[in-house]
Amino acid sequence: MTLHIVLPAAEPNSLVWVTDTLAGLGFQSTGNLEKITYLEDRHAACSAWGNRALVLRDEFVRQLRFSQVDVSSPESMLECLRSFAAQVPFTLGIQPSASARENPGLIVTTFIDGRPRLFYCAIAMPPVAIQAANLTCVGDEDSPARVFVDYYYEMSGKSVEQVLFLGIHAMRLAHQNKTAFIGEPNAWIFQGGSFKRLTTPELTRFIEMSKSLDASITAYAESSPIVQRDP
């Protein structure tokens, strides 16, 4: 299980991609693995969720690496994603489920003409591929932590700093709610023509801000009871 939160910022050609680092490595075994693979020479980043997510991601990355995926335009990207999703049952043995919610999928960001473009692809019948323009939360869609993003994203000024905090705070809460399935936050940012992962000190600052927010809410609730008792 995983959760991806992608938030476009108001600053020109900027977005934030927050996910977790946890992945299953077998029976009752987990490890901290990078979910997002970035191919700098192809100006594209890719991750996945659901059944055999890492296998799905790695096969798409292999095709990206050997130029079998055309990222020159949104239209060509969508065509390649639909073709890839249609081939998956034959090449990887990942069968689409009758329940759309159970189908695995890809999330891909390309940087055509210096602009980040976000694509979503579900391994379904028929295959689904769309270009997303607004906030995107995929994977553990039922996580109560994503309510924070859904509610506050539109009300924020959408600076890179603000959306980073929204995404990282939600991911930290998701980790707390499902520690066995959702790992610690991991954040990437596209800004100024480059795509980079936040360093540990940068990420730690947002984690501490998130914890401080929780502490403030708890302190306020404890000091301001809803019902005041008469002495």
Protein backbone atom coordinates (compact mmCIF):
# COMPACT_ATOMS: atom_id res chain seq x y z
CA MET A 1 0.00 0.00 0.00
CA THR A 2 1.18 3.51 -0.65
CA LEU A 3 -0.09 7.06 -0.99
CA HIS A 4 0.91 9.68 -3.53
CA ILE A 5 0.02 13.35 -3.07
CA VAL A 6 0.88 15.66 -5.98
CA LEU A 7 0.14 19.35 -5.56
CA PRO A 8 0.72 21.98 -8.27
CA ALA A 9 1.96 25.27 -6.83
CA ALA A 10 0.89 28.76 -7.89
CA GLU A 11 4.46 29.66 -8.76
CA PRO A 12 5.08 29.17 -12.51
CA ASN A 13 5.86 25.58 -13.53
CA SER A 14 6.20 24.24 -9.99
CA LEU A 15 4.76 21.21 -8.25
CA VAL A 16 5.33 19.09 -5.16
CA TRP A 17 5.17 15.28 -5.08
CA VAL A 18 4.94 13.69 -1.64
CA THR A 19 4.86 9.95 -1.06
CA ASP A 20 6.26 7.47 1.45
CA THR A 21 9.34 5.26 1.37
CA LEU A 22 7.93 2.01 2.74
CA ALA A 23 7.64 -1.09 0.58
CA GLY A 24 6.96 -4.73 1.39
CA LEU A 25 9.88 -7.09 0.94
CA GLY A 26 8.12 -10.34 1.75
CA PHE A 27 6.26 -11.94 4.63
CA GLN A 28 6.27 -9.52 7.59
CA SER A 29 9.28 -7.76 6.12
CA THR A 30 9.52 -4.14 5.04
CA GLY A 31 12.23 -1.76 4.00
CA ASN A 32 12.67 1.91 3.19
CA LEU A 33 12.80 2.08 -0.57
CA GLU A 34 12.47 5.01 -2.94
CA LYS A 35 9.05 4.94 -4.58
CA ILE A 36 9.81 7.55 -7.25
CA THR A 37 12.29 6.87 -10.03
CA TYR A 38 13.56 9.94 -11.89
CA LEU A 39 15.26 9.73 -15.28
CA GLU A 40 16.96 13.08 -15.70
CA ASP A 41 17.92 12.49 -19.33
CA ARG A 42 14.26 11.78 -20.19
CA HIS A 43 12.92 14.58 -17.97
CA ALA A 44 10.41 12.17 -16.44
CA ALA A 45 9.61 10.71 -13.02
CA CYS A 46 7.51 7.63 -12.35
CA SER A 47 5.99 5.69 -9.48
CA ALA A 48 3.12 3.24 -8.99
CA TRP A 49 0.70 1.80 -6.46
CA GLY A 50 -1.29 -1.37 -5.96
CA ASN A 51 -0.56 -4.99 -6.80
CA ARG A 52 3.13 -5.47 -7.74
CA ALA A 53 3.64 -1.72 -7.89
CA LEU A 54 7.44 -1.79 -8.01
CA VAL A 55 7.40 -4.32 -10.87
CA LEU A 56 4.97 -2.09 -12.74
CA ARG A 57 7.09 1.01 -12.14
CA ASP A 58 10.34 -0.68 -13.11
CA GLU A 59 8.95 -1.98 -16.40
CA PHE A 60 7.68 1.47 -17.37
CA VAL A 61 11.01 3.02 -16.34
CA ARG A 62 12.82 0.43 -18.48
CA GLN A 63 10.75 1.49 -21.46
CA LEU A 64 11.38 5.14 -20.65
CA ARG A 65 15.11 4.53 -20.38
CA PHE A 66 15.29 2.86 -23.79
CA SER A 67 13.15 5.55 -25.43
CA GLN A 68 10.17 3.28 -26.03
CA VAL A 69 7.92 5.92 -24.46
CA ASP A 70 7.31 9.15 -26.38
CA VAL A 71 7.27 12.05 -23.92
CA SER A 72 7.40 14.80 -26.55
CA SER A 73 3.77 15.86 -26.08
CA PRO A 74 0.83 15.20 -23.73
CA GLU A 75 -1.02 13.42 -26.55
CA SER A 76 1.83 11.01 -27.27
CA MET A 77 2.30 10.39 -23.55
CA LEU A 78 -1.35 9.43 -23.10
CA GLU A 79 -1.19 7.11 -26.11
CA CYS A 80 1.90 5.38 -24.70
CA LEU A 81 0.30 4.97 -21.28
CA ARG A 82 -2.84 3.37 -22.74
CA SER A 83 -0.69 1.02 -24.80
CA PHE A 84 1.42 0.14 -21.77
CA ALA A 85 -1.65 -0.56 -19.62
CA ALA A 86 -3.10 -2.81 -22.33
CA GLN A 87 0.17 -4.80 -22.55
CA VAL A 88 0.65 -5.28 -18.80
CA PRO A 89 -1.55 -8.40 -18.42
CA PHE A 90 0.52 -10.15 -21.10
CA THR A 91 4.02 -8.92 -20.16
CA LEU A 92 3.82 -8.77 -16.36
CA GLY A 93 0.90 -11.02 -15.56
CA ILE A 94 -0.92 -8.28 -13.63
CA GLN A 95 -4.60 -8.81 -14.31
CA PRO A 96 -7.10 -5.94 -14.02
CA SER A 97 -9.67 -6.36 -11.27
CA ALA A 98 -13.44 -6.12 -11.69
CA SER A 99 -13.28 -3.50 -8.93
CA ALA A 100 -11.76 -0.28 -10.28
CA ARG A 101 -10.51 0.64 -6.80
CA GLU A 102 -8.34 -2.49 -6.65
CA ASN A 103 -6.53 -1.92 -9.94
CA PRO A 104 -2.86 -0.93 -9.78
CA GLY A 105 -1.68 2.15 -11.60
CA LEU A 106 1.11 4.48 -12.61
CA ILE A 107 1.68 8.12 -11.83
CA VAL A 108 4.08 9.86 -14.18
CA THR A 109 5.40 13.40 -14.37
CA THR A 110 7.12 14.71 -17.49
CA PHE A 111 8.74 18.06 -18.03
CA ILE A 112 7.87 18.99 -21.60
CA ASP A 113 9.08 22.51 -22.51
CA GLY A 114 10.12 22.99 -18.89
CA ARG A 115 6.57 22.52 -17.63
CA PRO A 116 5.65 19.70 -15.24
CA ARG A 117 2.79 17.62 -16.60
CA LEU A 118 1.14 14.96 -14.49
CA PHE A 119 -0.33 11.74 -15.88
CA TYR A 120 -2.36 9.00 -14.23
CA CYS A 121 -2.70 5.51 -15.68
CA ALA A 122 -4.83 2.66 -14.29
CA ILE A 123 -4.34 -0.97 -15.33
CA ALA A 124 -8.01 -1.55 -16.11
CA MET A 125 -10.23 -2.85 -18.87
CA PRO A 126 -10.39 -0.67 -20.85
CA PRO A 127 -7.09 1.02 -19.85
CA VAL A 128 -7.41 4.47 -18.29
CA ALA A 129 -4.95 7.31 -18.92
CA ILE A 130 -5.60 10.94 -18.13
CA GLN A 131 -3.63 14.15 -17.69
CA ALA A 132 -4.30 15.71 -14.28
CA ALA A 133 -4.38 19.46 -13.81
CA ASN A 134 -5.20 19.86 -10.11
CA LEU A 135 -4.26 18.14 -6.86
CA THR A 136 -3.94 14.38 -7.13
CA CYS A 137 -4.13 11.82 -4.33
CA VAL A 138 -3.81 8.19 -5.42
CA GLY A 139 -3.03 4.88 -3.76
CA ASP A 140 -4.53 4.70 -0.29
CA GLU A 141 -7.52 6.82 -1.30
CA ASP A 142 -9.42 6.05 1.91
CA SER A 143 -6.71 7.46 4.16
CA PRO A 144 -8.32 9.98 6.53
CA ALA A 145 -5.11 12.02 6.34
CA ARG A 146 -5.91 13.21 2.81
CA VAL A 147 -8.89 15.18 4.16
CA PHE A 148 -6.34 17.74 5.34
CA VAL A 149 -5.10 18.26 1.77
CA ASP A 150 -8.57 18.19 0.21
CA TYR A 151 -9.82 20.85 2.61
CA TYR A 152 -6.90 23.27 2.84
CA TYR A 153 -5.32 23.10 -0.63
CA GLU A 154 -7.85 25.43 -2.28
CA MET A 155 -7.69 27.87 0.64
CA SER A 156 -3.89 28.11 0.64
CA GLY A 157 -1.87 30.56 -1.40
CA LYS A 158 -0.33 27.48 -3.05
CA SER A 159 3.26 28.60 -2.65
CA VAL A 160 5.77 25.76 -2.90
CA GLU A 161 6.40 26.07 0.85
CA GLN A 162 2.68 25.84 1.64
CA VAL A 163 1.91 22.84 -0.54
CA LEU A 164 5.01 21.05 0.71
CA PHE A 165 3.73 21.47 4.25
CA LEU A 166 0.22 20.29 3.28
CA GLY A 167 1.55 17.17 1.57
CA ILE A 168 4.13 16.27 4.20
CA HIS A 169 1.72 16.85 7.08
CA ALA A 170 -0.89 14.61 5.46
CA MET A 171 1.70 11.91 4.73
CA ARG A 172 3.00 11.99 8.30
CA LEU A 173 -0.55 11.53 9.59
CA ALA A 174 -1.12 8.70 7.10
CA HIS A 175 2.02 7.02 8.42
CA GLN A 176 0.81 7.39 12.01
CA ASN A 177 -2.59 5.91 11.13
CA LYS A 178 -1.17 2.93 9.18
CA THR A 179 2.42 2.44 10.27
CA ALA A 180 2.53 -1.11 8.91
CA PHE A 181 1.51 0.01 5.41
CA ILE A 182 2.50 3.68 4.94
CA GLY A 183 6.08 4.74 5.53
CA GLU A 184 7.69 8.02 6.53
CA PRO A 185 7.16 11.03 4.21
CA ASN A 186 9.39 11.48 1.20
CA ALA A 187 9.07 14.66 -0.86
CA TRP A 188 10.18 15.81 -4.30
CA ILE A 189 9.86 19.26 -5.80
CA PHE A 190 9.90 20.58 -9.36
CA GLN A 191 10.97 24.22 -9.44
CA GLY A 192 13.21 26.37 -11.56
CA GLY A 193 13.62 23.76 -14.26
CA SER A 194 14.85 20.95 -12.02
CA PHE A 195 13.31 18.01 -10.13
CA LYS A 196 14.93 17.10 -6.83
CA ARG A 197 14.31 15.16 -3.66
CA LEU A 198 14.24 17.10 -0.40
CA THR A 199 17.34 16.53 1.69
CA THR A 200 16.98 15.04 5.17
CA PRO A 201 17.41 18.45 6.90
CA GLU A 202 14.85 20.04 4.56
CA LEU A 203 12.35 17.24 5.17
CA THR A 204 13.01 17.28 8.92
CA ARG A 205 12.03 20.96 9.11
CA PHE A 206 8.58 20.20 7.68
CA ILE A 207 8.18 17.15 9.91
CA GLU A 208 8.88 19.29 12.97
CA MET A 209 6.38 21.91 11.74
CA SER A 210 3.79 19.15 11.35
CA LYS A 211 4.39 17.85 14.87
CA SER A 212 4.17 21.41 16.21
CA LEU A 213 0.79 21.88 14.55
CA ASP A 214 -0.53 18.69 16.15
CA ALA A 215 0.79 19.77 19.54
CA SER A 216 -0.87 23.19 19.22
CA ILE A 217 -4.24 21.67 18.36
CA THR A 218 -4.01 19.22 21.26
CA ALA A 219 -2.99 21.96 23.70
CA TYR A 220 -5.87 24.19 22.60
CA ALA A 221 -8.39 21.37 22.93
CA GLU A 222 -7.16 20.55 26.44
CA SER A 223 -7.24 24.19 27.59
CA SER A 224 -10.59 25.08 25.99
CA PRO A 225 -13.24 22.53 26.95
CA ILE A 226 -16.50 22.80 25.01
CA VAL A 227 -18.59 22.65 28.17
CA GLN A 228 -17.60 24.88 31.07
CA ARG A 229 -18.66 23.45 34.43
CA ASP A 230 -19.99 25.73 37.15
CA PRO A 231 -17.67 25.96 40.15
